[in-house]
N, C-alpha and C. Protein backbone atom coordinates (compact mmCIF):
# COMPACT_ATOMS: atom_id res chain seq x y z
N MET A 1 59.61 32.83 77.66
CA MET A 1 60.49 31.69 77.79
C MET A 1 61.88 32.14 78.23
N SER A 2 62.36 33.26 77.69
CA SER A 2 63.71 33.69 78.04
C SER A 2 63.78 34.32 79.42
N ASP A 3 62.64 34.59 80.05
CA ASP A 3 62.63 35.19 81.39
C ASP A 3 63.20 34.25 82.44
N ASP A 4 62.89 32.98 82.32
CA ASP A 4 63.32 32.03 83.35
C ASP A 4 64.64 31.33 83.01
N LEU A 5 65.27 31.71 81.90
CA LEU A 5 66.52 31.07 81.50
C LEU A 5 67.71 31.97 81.81
N ASP A 6 68.82 31.32 82.05
CA ASP A 6 70.10 32.01 82.19
C ASP A 6 70.39 32.70 80.85
N PRO A 7 70.99 33.89 80.82
CA PRO A 7 71.25 34.58 79.54
C PRO A 7 72.06 33.75 78.55
N ARG A 8 73.03 32.99 79.07
CA ARG A 8 73.81 32.13 78.16
C ARG A 8 72.94 31.04 77.56
N GLU A 9 72.06 30.48 78.38
CA GLU A 9 71.17 29.42 77.89
C GLU A 9 70.17 29.99 76.88
N ALA A 10 69.66 31.18 77.15
CA ALA A 10 68.72 31.82 76.23
C ALA A 10 69.38 32.06 74.87
N GLU A 11 70.63 32.49 74.89
CA GLU A 11 71.36 32.72 73.62
C GLU A 11 71.57 31.40 72.89
N ARG A 12 71.87 30.36 73.63
CA ARG A 12 72.06 29.04 73.02
C ARG A 12 70.76 28.58 72.34
N VAL A 13 69.63 28.82 72.98
CA VAL A 13 68.33 28.44 72.41
C VAL A 13 68.07 29.25 71.13
N ARG A 14 68.39 30.55 71.17
CA ARG A 14 68.18 31.39 69.97
C ARG A 14 69.05 30.91 68.81
N ARG A 15 70.32 30.56 69.10
CA ARG A 15 71.20 30.05 68.04
C ARG A 15 70.68 28.75 67.47
N ARG A 16 70.22 27.85 68.34
CA ARG A 16 69.69 26.57 67.88
C ARG A 16 68.47 26.79 66.97
N ASP A 17 67.57 27.68 67.38
CA ASP A 17 66.39 27.95 66.57
C ASP A 17 66.77 28.58 65.24
N ARG A 18 67.75 29.48 65.27
CA ARG A 18 68.16 30.14 64.04
C ARG A 18 68.81 29.14 63.08
N GLU A 19 69.62 28.23 63.60
CA GLU A 19 70.26 27.21 62.76
C GLU A 19 69.22 26.27 62.16
N ALA A 20 68.21 25.92 62.93
CA ALA A 20 67.16 25.05 62.41
C ALA A 20 66.39 25.75 61.30
N ALA A 21 66.12 27.04 61.48
CA ALA A 21 65.41 27.79 60.45
C ALA A 21 66.28 27.97 59.21
N ALA A 22 67.60 28.06 59.38
CA ALA A 22 68.51 28.23 58.25
C ALA A 22 68.47 27.01 57.33
N GLU A 23 68.35 25.82 57.90
CA GLU A 23 68.27 24.62 57.07
C GLU A 23 67.03 24.65 56.20
N GLN A 24 65.91 25.09 56.75
CA GLN A 24 64.67 25.16 55.97
C GLN A 24 64.75 26.26 54.93
N ARG A 25 65.38 27.39 55.26
CA ARG A 25 65.53 28.47 54.28
C ARG A 25 66.43 28.03 53.13
N ALA A 26 67.43 27.21 53.41
CA ALA A 26 68.34 26.75 52.36
C ALA A 26 67.60 25.91 51.33
N LEU A 27 66.58 25.18 51.75
CA LEU A 27 65.81 24.38 50.81
C LEU A 27 64.96 25.23 49.89
N MET A 28 64.73 26.48 50.24
CA MET A 28 63.90 27.37 49.43
C MET A 28 64.72 28.21 48.46
N LYS A 29 66.02 28.04 48.44
CA LYS A 29 66.87 28.81 47.52
C LYS A 29 66.56 28.43 46.08
N PRO A 30 66.79 29.36 45.14
CA PRO A 30 66.57 29.05 43.73
C PRO A 30 67.42 27.84 43.31
N GLY A 31 66.84 26.97 42.55
CA GLY A 31 67.55 25.79 42.06
C GLY A 31 67.32 24.56 42.92
N MET A 32 66.87 24.72 44.13
CA MET A 32 66.66 23.56 44.99
C MET A 32 65.42 22.78 44.57
N GLY A 33 64.49 23.43 43.89
CA GLY A 33 63.32 22.73 43.38
C GLY A 33 63.73 21.67 42.37
N LYS A 34 64.72 22.02 41.54
CA LYS A 34 65.22 21.08 40.55
C LYS A 34 65.87 19.88 41.23
N VAL A 35 66.63 20.13 42.26
CA VAL A 35 67.28 19.05 43.00
C VAL A 35 66.22 18.14 43.63
N PHE A 36 65.20 18.76 44.22
CA PHE A 36 64.12 18.00 44.84
C PHE A 36 63.42 17.13 43.81
N LYS A 37 63.15 17.69 42.62
CA LYS A 37 62.49 16.94 41.55
C LYS A 37 63.37 15.77 41.10
N GLN A 38 64.67 15.98 40.99
CA GLN A 38 65.57 14.91 40.59
C GLN A 38 65.56 13.78 41.61
N ILE A 39 65.53 14.12 42.88
CA ILE A 39 65.49 13.10 43.92
C ILE A 39 64.19 12.31 43.83
N GLN A 40 63.07 13.01 43.64
CA GLN A 40 61.79 12.33 43.53
C GLN A 40 61.75 11.42 42.30
N ASP A 41 62.27 11.90 41.17
CA ASP A 41 62.27 11.09 39.95
C ASP A 41 63.12 9.84 40.13
N THR A 42 64.26 9.97 40.77
CA THR A 42 65.14 8.83 41.01
C THR A 42 64.47 7.80 41.90
N GLN A 43 63.79 8.27 42.95
CA GLN A 43 63.10 7.35 43.85
C GLN A 43 61.94 6.66 43.16
N ALA A 44 61.21 7.39 42.31
CA ALA A 44 60.09 6.79 41.59
C ALA A 44 60.60 5.73 40.60
N LYS A 45 61.70 6.03 39.92
CA LYS A 45 62.28 5.07 38.98
C LYS A 45 62.74 3.81 39.69
N ALA A 46 63.38 3.98 40.86
CA ALA A 46 63.86 2.84 41.63
C ALA A 46 62.69 1.99 42.13
N ALA A 47 61.56 2.61 42.42
CA ALA A 47 60.41 1.87 42.91
C ALA A 47 59.77 1.04 41.80
N LYS A 48 59.87 1.50 40.56
CA LYS A 48 59.26 0.78 39.43
C LYS A 48 60.10 -0.40 38.98
N GLU A 49 61.42 -0.28 39.09
CA GLU A 49 62.32 -1.33 38.61
C GLU A 49 62.45 -2.44 39.64
N PRO A 50 62.58 -3.68 39.18
CA PRO A 50 62.82 -4.76 40.14
C PRO A 50 64.21 -4.60 40.74
N PRO A 51 64.39 -5.07 41.95
CA PRO A 51 65.72 -4.92 42.58
C PRO A 51 66.77 -5.71 41.80
N LYS A 52 67.95 -5.14 41.73
CA LYS A 52 69.05 -5.79 41.01
C LYS A 52 69.62 -6.90 41.86
N ARG A 53 69.95 -8.02 41.22
CA ARG A 53 70.59 -9.12 41.92
C ARG A 53 72.09 -8.92 41.81
N ARG A 54 72.75 -9.10 42.88
CA ARG A 54 74.20 -8.93 42.88
C ARG A 54 74.85 -10.28 43.11
N GLY A 55 75.72 -10.64 42.23
CA GLY A 55 76.43 -11.90 42.39
C GLY A 55 75.55 -13.10 42.09
N ARG A 56 76.11 -14.26 42.24
CA ARG A 56 75.38 -15.50 42.01
C ARG A 56 74.63 -15.89 43.27
N ALA A 57 73.44 -16.37 43.07
CA ALA A 57 72.66 -16.84 44.22
C ALA A 57 73.22 -18.18 44.68
N LYS A 58 73.42 -18.32 45.95
CA LYS A 58 73.94 -19.57 46.50
C LYS A 58 72.76 -20.47 46.84
N PRO A 59 72.84 -21.74 46.48
CA PRO A 59 71.74 -22.64 46.81
C PRO A 59 71.62 -22.81 48.32
N VAL A 60 70.40 -22.85 48.76
CA VAL A 60 70.14 -22.98 50.19
C VAL A 60 69.74 -24.41 50.48
N GLY A 61 70.33 -25.02 51.49
CA GLY A 61 69.95 -26.35 51.91
C GLY A 61 70.64 -27.48 51.17
N LYS A 62 71.39 -27.21 50.12
CA LYS A 62 72.10 -28.27 49.41
C LYS A 62 73.47 -28.45 50.02
N PRO A 63 73.82 -29.66 50.36
CA PRO A 63 75.16 -29.88 50.90
C PRO A 63 76.20 -29.79 49.78
N ARG A 64 77.36 -29.34 50.12
CA ARG A 64 78.43 -29.25 49.14
C ARG A 64 78.99 -30.65 48.90
N ARG A 65 79.37 -30.89 47.67
CA ARG A 65 79.96 -32.19 47.35
C ARG A 65 81.38 -32.22 47.85
N GLU A 66 81.75 -33.37 48.37
CA GLU A 66 83.12 -33.57 48.85
C GLU A 66 83.99 -33.86 47.64
N PRO A 67 85.19 -33.33 47.58
CA PRO A 67 86.09 -33.65 46.46
C PRO A 67 86.53 -35.11 46.56
N ARG A 68 86.70 -35.72 45.39
CA ARG A 68 87.12 -37.13 45.36
C ARG A 68 88.59 -37.22 45.68
N PRO A 69 88.98 -38.22 46.48
CA PRO A 69 90.43 -38.38 46.82
C PRO A 69 91.23 -38.93 45.70
């Protein structure tokens, strides 16, 4: 692959590949398993609970009453 590329372009490709691999290696560091488990537990808990309602529900289709003069 690097035979047909400009040397600068080949180096750019190597840096890109190395950076992509670094992200995956970072996930394998000690302690990241705990973080991953916490994320999974939070998502599972959120899936079990009904969604929270925020604020008062506004009636749909009801006209507002006009104030009396």
